[in-house]
Amino acid sequence: MPNGEDVRLKVDHVKSKKVEGTLYMMSERMGWMPKHKDVFTLSFDYCDIKYHRISSDQKSKIRLQIVCYNEMMTTFHFCNPIGLDAQRKDRDAVSDLLKILLPEFKTMMDQALEVKTKILNENKTVYQLYKDLVISGLVPADDFWSKYVDFDKLTESTKKTKCWRIWCIFNKYSS
């Protein structure tokens, strides 16, 4: 059971690679836990999911496939012992929730990208640091934004001075 996370949907009798388990849909991610275990062996943040697709109703197996931006794919097989109708209902519940959540997270990702682009366009120091570290391949982009850019100070200074100022942490950057 996920600790402290808001579980929006829990579906039992879901297989991944022929192993039965439980699929959890939380507020920021989905996770699959094998039967008789207490940890997720599969977990996907909604912002990492590119799209999902479902098997047609004519197929004998009721499935849902998750495709991530990194091209990783995972297929879940719904195998509720009550029957095909219950399996379809379980799969459709997961699919319907994904149809709601994925666009919300895509919007959040687009807004974050817009802010980062604006920062790079309006601050030569940050842009140069970005080129030196990220474009050269020394640091992944996610690490750059989390370790070298202080968004709290950026937001604070933006509110006070109405201009884009950023505080870069150079202690991890050697010229």
N, C-alpha and C. Protein backbone atom coordinates (compact mmCIF):
# COMPACT_ATOMS: atom_id res chain seq x y z
N MET A 1 0.84 -1.18 0.00
CA MET A 1 0.00 0.00 0.00
C MET A 1 0.89 1.24 0.00
N PRO A 2 0.61 2.19 -0.88
CA PRO A 2 1.42 3.40 -0.93
C PRO A 2 1.27 4.22 0.36
N ASN A 3 2.40 4.60 0.92
CA ASN A 3 2.40 5.35 2.18
C ASN A 3 2.17 6.83 1.93
N GLY A 4 1.12 7.36 2.54
CA GLY A 4 0.88 8.79 2.50
C GLY A 4 0.48 9.36 1.15
N GLU A 5 0.24 8.53 0.18
CA GLU A 5 -0.16 9.03 -1.13
C GLU A 5 -1.67 8.91 -1.29
N ASP A 6 -2.24 9.85 -2.00
CA ASP A 6 -3.67 9.86 -2.25
C ASP A 6 -3.98 8.85 -3.36
N VAL A 7 -4.60 7.73 -3.01
CA VAL A 7 -4.94 6.69 -3.99
C VAL A 7 -6.30 7.03 -4.58
N ARG A 8 -6.31 7.31 -5.87
CA ARG A 8 -7.56 7.64 -6.56
C ARG A 8 -8.28 6.40 -7.06
N LEU A 9 -7.52 5.36 -7.38
CA LEU A 9 -8.11 4.13 -7.90
C LEU A 9 -7.18 2.97 -7.60
N LYS A 10 -7.76 1.86 -7.18
CA LYS A 10 -7.00 0.65 -6.90
C LYS A 10 -7.69 -0.49 -7.65
N VAL A 11 -6.93 -1.19 -8.49
CA VAL A 11 -7.50 -2.28 -9.29
C VAL A 11 -6.70 -3.55 -9.01
N ASP A 12 -7.37 -4.54 -8.45
CA ASP A 12 -6.75 -5.85 -8.22
C ASP A 12 -6.82 -6.68 -9.49
N HIS A 13 -6.11 -7.79 -9.50
CA HIS A 13 -6.11 -8.75 -10.61
C HIS A 13 -5.61 -8.11 -11.91
N VAL A 14 -4.46 -7.47 -11.82
CA VAL A 14 -3.82 -6.87 -13.00
C VAL A 14 -2.45 -7.52 -13.14
N LYS A 15 -2.19 -8.09 -14.32
CA LYS A 15 -0.91 -8.75 -14.55
C LYS A 15 0.04 -7.85 -15.33
N SER A 16 1.31 -8.00 -14.99
CA SER A 16 2.39 -7.41 -15.76
C SER A 16 3.41 -8.52 -15.96
N LYS A 17 3.70 -8.83 -17.20
CA LYS A 17 4.63 -9.92 -17.53
C LYS A 17 4.25 -11.21 -16.80
N LYS A 18 2.98 -11.57 -16.88
CA LYS A 18 2.42 -12.82 -16.35
C LYS A 18 2.41 -12.92 -14.83
N VAL A 19 2.74 -11.84 -14.13
CA VAL A 19 2.72 -11.83 -12.67
C VAL A 19 1.51 -11.00 -12.24
N GLU A 20 0.67 -11.58 -11.38
CA GLU A 20 -0.52 -10.86 -10.95
C GLU A 20 -0.19 -9.89 -9.82
N GLY A 21 -0.90 -8.78 -9.83
CA GLY A 21 -0.69 -7.77 -8.80
C GLY A 21 -1.83 -6.78 -8.76
N THR A 22 -1.54 -5.62 -8.19
CA THR A 22 -2.53 -4.56 -8.03
C THR A 22 -2.00 -3.28 -8.66
N LEU A 23 -2.87 -2.61 -9.41
CA LEU A 23 -2.52 -1.35 -10.05
C LEU A 23 -3.12 -0.21 -9.22
N TYR A 24 -2.27 0.74 -8.84
CA TYR A 24 -2.69 1.90 -8.04
C TYR A 24 -2.57 3.15 -8.90
N MET A 25 -3.60 3.98 -8.86
CA MET A 25 -3.57 5.27 -9.52
C MET A 25 -3.59 6.32 -8.41
N MET A 26 -2.46 7.02 -8.26
CA MET A 26 -2.35 8.05 -7.23
C MET A 26 -2.47 9.43 -7.88
N SER A 27 -2.26 10.46 -7.10
CA SER A 27 -2.46 11.82 -7.61
C SER A 27 -1.37 12.25 -8.60
N GLU A 28 -0.14 11.74 -8.45
CA GLU A 28 0.95 12.17 -9.34
C GLU A 28 1.60 11.04 -10.11
N ARG A 29 1.23 9.80 -9.78
CA ARG A 29 1.85 8.66 -10.48
C ARG A 29 0.94 7.45 -10.39
N MET A 30 1.27 6.47 -11.22
CA MET A 30 0.60 5.17 -11.13
C MET A 30 1.66 4.13 -10.80
N GLY A 31 1.27 3.12 -10.06
CA GLY A 31 2.23 2.10 -9.67
C GLY A 31 1.59 0.72 -9.68
N TRP A 32 2.40 -0.28 -9.94
CA TRP A 32 1.93 -1.67 -9.94
C TRP A 32 2.74 -2.44 -8.90
N MET A 33 2.01 -3.17 -8.07
CA MET A 33 2.62 -3.92 -6.98
C MET A 33 2.26 -5.40 -7.13
N PRO A 34 3.26 -6.28 -7.20
CA PRO A 34 2.96 -7.72 -7.30
C PRO A 34 2.21 -8.22 -6.07
N LYS A 35 1.42 -9.24 -6.29
CA LYS A 35 0.67 -9.85 -5.19
C LYS A 35 1.64 -10.34 -4.12
N HIS A 36 1.28 -10.17 -2.87
CA HIS A 36 2.07 -10.58 -1.70
C HIS A 36 3.36 -9.78 -1.52
N LYS A 37 3.46 -8.61 -2.13
CA LYS A 37 4.60 -7.71 -1.93
C LYS A 37 4.07 -6.39 -1.39
N ASP A 38 4.97 -5.60 -0.84
CA ASP A 38 4.53 -4.30 -0.33
C ASP A 38 5.31 -3.13 -0.93
N VAL A 39 5.91 -3.36 -2.10
CA VAL A 39 6.62 -2.30 -2.81
C VAL A 39 6.22 -2.34 -4.28
N PHE A 40 6.25 -1.17 -4.91
CA PHE A 40 5.97 -1.09 -6.34
C PHE A 40 7.17 -1.61 -7.12
N THR A 41 6.91 -2.46 -8.08
CA THR A 41 7.99 -2.86 -8.99
C THR A 41 7.91 -2.06 -10.29
N LEU A 42 6.76 -1.45 -10.54
CA LEU A 42 6.60 -0.54 -11.67
C LEU A 42 5.97 0.75 -11.15
N SER A 43 6.51 1.86 -11.59
CA SER A 43 5.96 3.15 -11.19
C SER A 43 6.19 4.15 -12.32
N PHE A 44 5.15 4.90 -12.65
CA PHE A 44 5.22 5.88 -13.72
C PHE A 44 4.66 7.21 -13.23
N ASP A 45 5.48 8.25 -13.28
CA ASP A 45 4.95 9.59 -13.03
C ASP A 45 4.11 9.97 -14.24
N TYR A 46 2.97 10.61 -14.01
CA TYR A 46 2.09 10.96 -15.13
C TYR A 46 2.79 11.88 -16.13
N CYS A 47 3.70 12.72 -15.64
CA CYS A 47 4.40 13.63 -16.56
C CYS A 47 5.36 12.88 -17.48
N ASP A 48 5.69 11.62 -17.16
CA ASP A 48 6.58 10.82 -18.01
C ASP A 48 5.82 9.99 -19.04
N ILE A 49 4.50 9.93 -18.93
CA ILE A 49 3.69 9.11 -19.83
C ILE A 49 3.32 9.92 -21.07
N LYS A 50 3.71 9.42 -22.21
CA LYS A 50 3.41 10.08 -23.48
C LYS A 50 1.95 9.84 -23.87
N TYR A 51 1.52 8.58 -23.82
CA TYR A 51 0.13 8.24 -24.10
C TYR A 51 -0.15 6.82 -23.60
N HIS A 52 -1.41 6.45 -23.66
CA HIS A 52 -1.80 5.08 -23.34
C HIS A 52 -2.77 4.61 -24.41
N ARG A 53 -2.85 3.31 -24.56
CA ARG A 53 -3.82 2.75 -25.51
C ARG A 53 -4.39 1.46 -24.92
N ILE A 54 -5.58 1.13 -25.40
CA ILE A 54 -6.26 -0.06 -24.89
C ILE A 54 -6.49 -1.04 -26.03
N SER A 55 -6.62 -2.32 -25.66
CA SER A 55 -6.92 -3.35 -26.65
C SER A 55 -8.37 -3.20 -27.08
N SER A 56 -8.66 -3.66 -28.29
CA SER A 56 -10.05 -3.57 -28.77
C SER A 56 -10.92 -4.55 -28.00
N ASP A 57 -12.20 -4.27 -27.98
CA ASP A 57 -13.13 -5.12 -27.23
C ASP A 57 -13.29 -6.51 -27.86
N GLN A 58 -12.85 -6.68 -29.10
CA GLN A 58 -12.94 -7.99 -29.74
C GLN A 58 -11.81 -8.93 -29.32
N LYS A 59 -10.77 -8.39 -28.72
CA LYS A 59 -9.64 -9.22 -28.28
C LYS A 59 -10.03 -10.06 -27.08
N SER A 60 -9.38 -11.22 -26.95
CA SER A 60 -9.69 -12.11 -25.82
C SER A 60 -9.04 -11.63 -24.52
N LYS A 61 -7.95 -10.88 -24.63
CA LYS A 61 -7.28 -10.35 -23.44
C LYS A 61 -7.54 -8.85 -23.35
N ILE A 62 -7.90 -8.42 -22.16
CA ILE A 62 -8.21 -7.01 -21.92
C ILE A 62 -6.93 -6.34 -21.41
N ARG A 63 -6.38 -5.44 -22.23
CA ARG A 63 -5.08 -4.85 -21.92
C ARG A 63 -5.09 -3.33 -22.02
N LEU A 64 -4.12 -2.75 -21.32
CA LEU A 64 -3.85 -1.32 -21.39
C LEU A 64 -2.34 -1.17 -21.48
N GLN A 65 -1.89 -0.38 -22.45
CA GLN A 65 -0.46 -0.17 -22.63
C GLN A 65 -0.10 1.28 -22.32
N ILE A 66 0.99 1.43 -21.57
CA ILE A 66 1.53 2.75 -21.23
C ILE A 66 2.78 2.96 -22.08
N VAL A 67 2.87 4.10 -22.76
CA VAL A 67 4.06 4.44 -23.54
C VAL A 67 4.63 5.74 -22.97
N CYS A 68 5.90 5.68 -22.57
CA CYS A 68 6.56 6.84 -21.96
C CYS A 68 7.33 7.64 -23.00
N TYR A 69 7.70 8.85 -22.63
CA TYR A 69 8.48 9.71 -23.53
C TYR A 69 9.84 9.10 -23.86
N ASN A 70 10.38 8.27 -22.97
CA ASN A 70 11.66 7.63 -23.25
C ASN A 70 11.50 6.36 -24.07
N GLU A 71 10.29 6.17 -24.64
CA GLU A 71 9.93 5.04 -25.51
C GLU A 71 9.77 3.72 -24.76
N MET A 72 9.87 3.72 -23.44
CA MET A 72 9.61 2.51 -22.68
C MET A 72 8.11 2.22 -22.72
N MET A 73 7.75 0.95 -22.91
CA MET A 73 6.35 0.55 -22.96
C MET A 73 6.10 -0.54 -21.94
N THR A 74 4.95 -0.48 -21.31
CA THR A 74 4.53 -1.51 -20.36
C THR A 74 3.07 -1.84 -20.64
N THR A 75 2.77 -3.13 -20.67
CA THR A 75 1.40 -3.57 -20.91
C THR A 75 0.85 -4.22 -19.65
N PHE A 76 -0.36 -3.82 -19.29
CA PHE A 76 -1.07 -4.41 -18.16
C PHE A 76 -2.22 -5.24 -18.69
N HIS A 77 -2.34 -6.46 -18.16
CA HIS A 77 -3.40 -7.39 -18.56
C HIS A 77 -4.39 -7.48 -17.40
N PHE A 78 -5.63 -7.11 -17.65
CA PHE A 78 -6.66 -7.14 -16.62
C PHE A 78 -7.30 -8.52 -16.61
N CYS A 79 -7.26 -9.17 -15.46
CA CYS A 79 -7.70 -10.57 -15.38
C CYS A 79 -8.64 -10.82 -14.21
N ASN A 80 -9.60 -9.94 -14.02
CA ASN A 80 -10.58 -10.09 -12.95
C ASN A 80 -11.29 -11.44 -13.10
N PRO A 81 -11.32 -12.26 -12.05
CA PRO A 81 -11.92 -13.60 -12.15
C PRO A 81 -13.43 -13.59 -12.37
N ILE A 82 -14.08 -12.45 -12.17
CA ILE A 82 -15.53 -12.36 -12.38
C ILE A 82 -15.87 -12.51 -13.86
N GLY A 83 -14.98 -12.07 -14.75
CA GLY A 83 -15.23 -12.24 -16.18
C GLY A 83 -14.80 -11.06 -17.02
N LEU A 84 -15.06 -11.18 -18.33
CA LEU A 84 -14.62 -10.17 -19.30
C LEU A 84 -15.24 -8.80 -19.05
N ASP A 85 -16.51 -8.77 -18.68
CA ASP A 85 -17.15 -7.47 -18.43
C ASP A 85 -16.47 -6.73 -17.28
N ALA A 86 -16.14 -7.45 -16.22
CA ALA A 86 -15.45 -6.84 -15.07
C ALA A 86 -14.04 -6.40 -15.47
N GLN A 87 -13.38 -7.19 -16.32
CA GLN A 87 -12.04 -6.83 -16.80
C GLN A 87 -12.10 -5.55 -17.63
N ARG A 88 -13.09 -5.46 -18.52
CA ARG A 88 -13.25 -4.24 -19.33
C ARG A 88 -13.55 -3.03 -18.44
N LYS A 89 -14.41 -3.25 -17.44
CA LYS A 89 -14.77 -2.17 -16.53
C LYS A 89 -13.54 -1.67 -15.77
N ASP A 90 -12.69 -2.58 -15.30
CA ASP A 90 -11.45 -2.21 -14.60
C ASP A 90 -10.52 -1.43 -15.52
N ARG A 91 -10.32 -1.96 -16.73
CA ARG A 91 -9.43 -1.30 -17.69
C ARG A 91 -9.96 0.08 -18.07
N ASP A 92 -11.25 0.17 -18.31
CA ASP A 92 -11.84 1.45 -18.70
C ASP A 92 -11.76 2.48 -17.57
N ALA A 93 -11.86 2.03 -16.33
CA ALA A 93 -11.72 2.95 -15.20
C ALA A 93 -10.32 3.55 -15.17
N VAL A 94 -9.30 2.71 -15.40
CA VAL A 94 -7.92 3.20 -15.45
C VAL A 94 -7.74 4.14 -16.64
N SER A 95 -8.24 3.73 -17.80
CA SER A 95 -8.11 4.54 -19.01
C SER A 95 -8.80 5.89 -18.85
N ASP A 96 -10.00 5.89 -18.28
CA ASP A 96 -10.74 7.14 -18.09
C ASP A 96 -9.99 8.09 -17.16
N LEU A 97 -9.41 7.55 -16.11
CA LEU A 97 -8.65 8.40 -15.18
C LEU A 97 -7.40 8.96 -15.87
N LEU A 98 -6.74 8.13 -16.68
CA LEU A 98 -5.57 8.62 -17.43
C LEU A 98 -5.96 9.72 -18.41
N LYS A 99 -7.14 9.60 -19.01
CA LYS A 99 -7.61 10.63 -19.95
C LYS A 99 -7.79 11.98 -19.26
N ILE A 100 -8.07 11.94 -17.97
CA ILE A 100 -8.22 13.18 -17.20
C ILE A 100 -6.86 13.69 -16.73
N LEU A 101 -6.03 12.79 -16.20
CA LEU A 101 -4.78 13.20 -15.56
C LEU A 101 -3.67 13.57 -16.55
N LEU A 102 -3.52 12.84 -17.63
CA LEU A 102 -2.40 13.10 -18.54
C LEU A 102 -2.43 14.51 -19.13
N PRO A 103 -3.58 15.01 -19.60
CA PRO A 103 -3.58 16.40 -20.10
C PRO A 103 -3.22 17.43 -19.03
N GLU A 104 -3.64 17.19 -17.78
CA GLU A 104 -3.29 18.11 -16.69
C GLU A 104 -1.78 18.18 -16.51
N PHE A 105 -1.13 17.02 -16.52
CA PHE A 105 0.31 17.00 -16.32
C PHE A 105 1.05 17.52 -17.54
N LYS A 106 0.51 17.32 -18.73
CA LYS A 106 1.13 17.86 -19.94
C LYS A 106 1.09 19.39 -19.90
N THR A 107 -0.02 19.95 -19.44
CA THR A 107 -0.13 21.40 -19.30
C THR A 107 0.90 21.93 -18.31
N MET A 108 1.06 21.23 -17.19
CA MET A 108 2.06 21.64 -16.20
C MET A 108 3.46 21.58 -16.79
N MET A 109 3.75 20.54 -17.56
CA MET A 109 5.07 20.40 -18.18
C MET A 109 5.30 21.51 -19.20
N ASP A 110 4.27 21.84 -19.99
CA ASP A 110 4.39 22.91 -20.97
C ASP A 110 4.66 24.25 -20.30
N GLN A 111 3.99 24.51 -19.18
CA GLN A 111 4.20 25.76 -18.45
C GLN A 111 5.62 25.83 -17.89
N ALA A 112 6.10 24.71 -17.37
CA ALA A 112 7.46 24.68 -16.83
C ALA A 112 8.48 24.91 -17.94
N LEU A 113 8.26 24.32 -19.10
CA LEU A 113 9.15 24.51 -20.24
C LEU A 113 9.14 25.97 -20.69
N GLU A 114 7.98 26.58 -20.67
CA GLU A 114 7.86 27.99 -21.05
C GLU A 114 8.67 28.88 -20.11
N VAL A 115 8.59 28.62 -18.81
CA VAL A 115 9.34 29.39 -17.82
C VAL A 115 10.84 29.21 -18.04
N LYS A 116 11.27 27.97 -18.26
CA LYS A 116 12.70 27.70 -18.46
C LYS A 116 13.22 28.38 -19.71
N THR A 117 12.43 28.35 -20.78
CA THR A 117 12.82 29.01 -22.02
C THR A 117 12.96 30.51 -21.81
N LYS A 118 12.03 31.09 -21.07
CA LYS A 118 12.09 32.53 -20.80
C LYS A 118 13.34 32.87 -19.98
N ILE A 119 13.64 32.04 -19.00
CA ILE A 119 14.84 32.27 -18.18
C ILE A 119 16.08 32.25 -19.05
N LEU A 120 16.19 31.27 -19.92
CA LEU A 120 17.37 31.16 -20.79
C LEU A 120 17.46 32.33 -21.76
N ASN A 121 16.32 32.77 -22.27
CA ASN A 121 16.31 33.88 -23.23
C ASN A 121 16.66 35.22 -22.59
N GLU A 122 16.32 35.38 -21.32
CA GLU A 122 16.47 36.69 -20.68
C GLU A 122 17.67 36.79 -19.74
N ASN A 123 18.41 35.72 -19.56
CA ASN A 123 19.54 35.76 -18.65
C ASN A 123 20.75 35.11 -19.31
N LYS A 124 21.69 35.94 -19.74
CA LYS A 124 22.86 35.44 -20.47
C LYS A 124 23.73 34.52 -19.63
N THR A 125 23.84 34.80 -18.34
CA THR A 125 24.67 33.98 -17.46
C THR A 125 24.11 32.57 -17.35
N VAL A 126 22.82 32.48 -17.14
CA VAL A 126 22.19 31.16 -17.03
C VAL A 126 22.28 30.42 -18.36
N TYR A 127 22.06 31.15 -19.46
CA TYR A 127 22.14 30.52 -20.77
C TYR A 127 23.55 29.97 -21.03
N GLN A 128 24.56 30.74 -20.69
CA GLN A 128 25.94 30.27 -20.88
C GLN A 128 26.21 29.04 -20.02
N LEU A 129 25.76 29.07 -18.78
CA LEU A 129 25.92 27.93 -17.89
C LEU A 129 25.19 26.71 -18.45
N TYR A 130 24.00 26.93 -18.99
CA TYR A 130 23.22 25.85 -19.60
C TYR A 130 23.99 25.24 -20.78
N LYS A 131 24.54 26.11 -21.63
CA LYS A 131 25.33 25.62 -22.77
C LYS A 131 26.54 24.82 -22.30
N ASP A 132 27.25 25.36 -21.31
CA ASP A 132 28.46 24.70 -20.82
C ASP A 132 28.18 23.35 -20.18
N LEU A 133 27.09 23.24 -19.48
CA LEU A 133 26.81 22.01 -18.74
C LEU A 133 25.89 21.04 -19.47
N VAL A 134 24.77 21.53 -19.97
CA VAL A 134 23.75 20.63 -20.53
C VAL A 134 24.03 20.31 -21.99
N ILE A 135 24.21 21.34 -22.79
CA ILE A 135 24.41 21.11 -24.22
C ILE A 135 25.70 20.35 -24.48
N SER A 136 26.71 20.57 -23.65
CA SER A 136 27.97 19.84 -23.81
C SER A 136 27.86 18.40 -23.30
N GLY A 137 26.79 18.09 -22.58
CA GLY A 137 26.57 16.72 -22.12
C GLY A 137 27.15 16.40 -20.75
N LEU A 138 27.65 17.41 -20.04
CA LEU A 138 28.22 17.16 -18.71
C LEU A 138 27.16 16.88 -17.65
N VAL A 139 26.01 17.54 -17.79
CA VAL A 139 24.95 17.44 -16.78
C VAL A 139 23.61 17.25 -17.50
N PRO A 140 22.78 16.32 -17.04
CA PRO A 140 21.43 16.20 -17.62
C PRO A 140 20.61 17.46 -17.34
N ALA A 141 19.69 17.78 -18.23
CA ALA A 141 18.88 19.00 -18.09
C ALA A 141 18.13 19.04 -16.77
N ASP A 142 17.56 17.92 -16.34
CA ASP A 142 16.82 17.90 -15.07
C ASP A 142 17.72 18.27 -13.90
N ASP A 143 18.96 17.76 -13.90
CA ASP A 143 19.91 18.09 -12.84
C ASP A 143 20.27 19.58 -12.87
N PHE A 144 20.43 20.12 -14.06
CA PHE A 144 20.76 21.54 -14.19
C PHE A 144 19.70 22.39 -13.51
N TRP A 145 18.44 22.13 -13.83
CA TRP A 145 17.36 22.96 -13.28
C TRP A 145 17.16 22.72 -11.79
N SER A 146 17.45 21.53 -11.31
CA SER A 146 17.23 21.27 -9.88
C SER A 146 18.43 21.68 -9.02
N LYS A 147 19.65 21.63 -9.56
CA LYS A 147 20.84 21.90 -8.76
C LYS A 147 21.47 23.27 -8.98
N TYR A 148 21.30 23.83 -10.16
CA TYR A 148 22.01 25.06 -10.50
C TYR A 148 21.13 26.29 -10.56
N VAL A 149 19.83 26.12 -10.54
CA VAL A 149 18.91 27.25 -10.63
C VAL A 149 17.99 27.22 -9.42
N ASP A 150 17.92 28.32 -8.71
CA ASP A 150 17.07 28.42 -7.52
C ASP A 150 15.78 29.14 -7.91
N PHE A 151 14.73 28.36 -8.18
CA PHE A 151 13.46 28.93 -8.62
C PHE A 151 12.78 29.76 -7.54
N ASP A 152 13.00 29.42 -6.26
CA ASP A 152 12.40 30.21 -5.18
C ASP A 152 12.93 31.63 -5.20
N LYS A 153 14.24 31.77 -5.33
CA LYS A 153 14.83 33.12 -5.39
C LYS A 153 14.40 33.83 -6.67
N LEU A 154 14.29 33.08 -7.75
CA LEU A 154 13.85 33.66 -9.01
C LEU A 154 12.44 34.22 -8.86
N THR A 155 11.54 33.44 -8.31
CA THR A 155 10.16 33.87 -8.12
C THR A 155 10.09 35.07 -7.19
N GLU A 156 10.85 35.02 -6.10
CA GLU A 156 10.88 36.12 -5.13
C GLU A 156 11.37 37.41 -5.79
N SER A 157 12.46 37.33 -6.55
CA SER A 157 13.00 38.53 -7.18
C SER A 157 12.08 39.03 -8.29
N THR A 158 11.39 38.11 -8.95
CA THR A 158 10.47 38.52 -10.00
C THR A 158 9.31 39.31 -9.41
N LYS A 159 8.81 38.88 -8.28
CA LYS A 159 7.71 39.60 -7.63
C LYS A 159 8.16 40.98 -7.18
N LYS A 160 9.38 41.10 -6.66
CA LYS A 160 9.86 42.37 -6.11
C LYS A 160 10.27 43.35 -7.19
N THR A 161 10.98 42.89 -8.21
CA THR A 161 11.56 43.82 -9.17
C THR A 161 10.92 43.75 -10.55
N LYS A 162 10.03 42.80 -10.75
CA LYS A 162 9.35 42.61 -12.04
C LYS A 162 10.35 42.44 -13.18
N CYS A 163 11.45 41.82 -12.91
CA CYS A 163 12.38 41.48 -13.97
C CYS A 163 12.89 40.08 -13.68
N TRP A 164 13.39 39.43 -14.68
CA TRP A 164 13.87 38.06 -14.51
C TRP A 164 15.31 38.08 -14.04
N ARG A 165 15.49 37.81 -12.73
CA ARG A 165 16.83 37.66 -12.18
C ARG A 165 16.93 36.26 -11.63
N ILE A 166 18.08 35.71 -11.73
CA ILE A 166 18.24 34.34 -11.26
C ILE A 166 19.53 34.23 -10.48
N TRP A 167 19.50 33.39 -9.52
CA TRP A 167 20.68 33.13 -8.70
C TRP A 167 21.17 31.75 -9.07
N CYS A 168 22.34 31.68 -9.60
CA CYS A 168 22.90 30.38 -9.98
C CYS A 168 23.83 29.89 -8.88
N ILE A 169 23.81 28.64 -8.67
CA ILE A 169 24.68 28.03 -7.67
C ILE A 169 25.91 27.53 -8.41
N PHE A 170 27.02 28.22 -8.23
CA PHE A 170 28.22 27.90 -8.99
C PHE A 170 29.18 26.98 -8.24
N ASN A 171 28.83 26.60 -7.02
CA ASN A 171 29.77 25.78 -6.26
C ASN A 171 29.98 24.40 -6.88
N LYS A 172 29.06 23.98 -7.74
CA LYS A 172 29.23 22.68 -8.41
C LYS A 172 29.74 22.86 -9.83
N TYR A 173 29.95 24.11 -10.23
CA TYR A 173 30.38 24.40 -11.59
C TYR A 173 31.81 24.90 -11.56
N SER A 174 32.66 24.21 -12.26
CA SER A 174 34.06 24.67 -12.33
C SER A 174 34.33 25.11 -13.76
N SER A 175 34.86 26.31 -13.91
CA SER A 175 35.09 26.85 -15.25
C SER A 175 36.34 26.31 -15.88
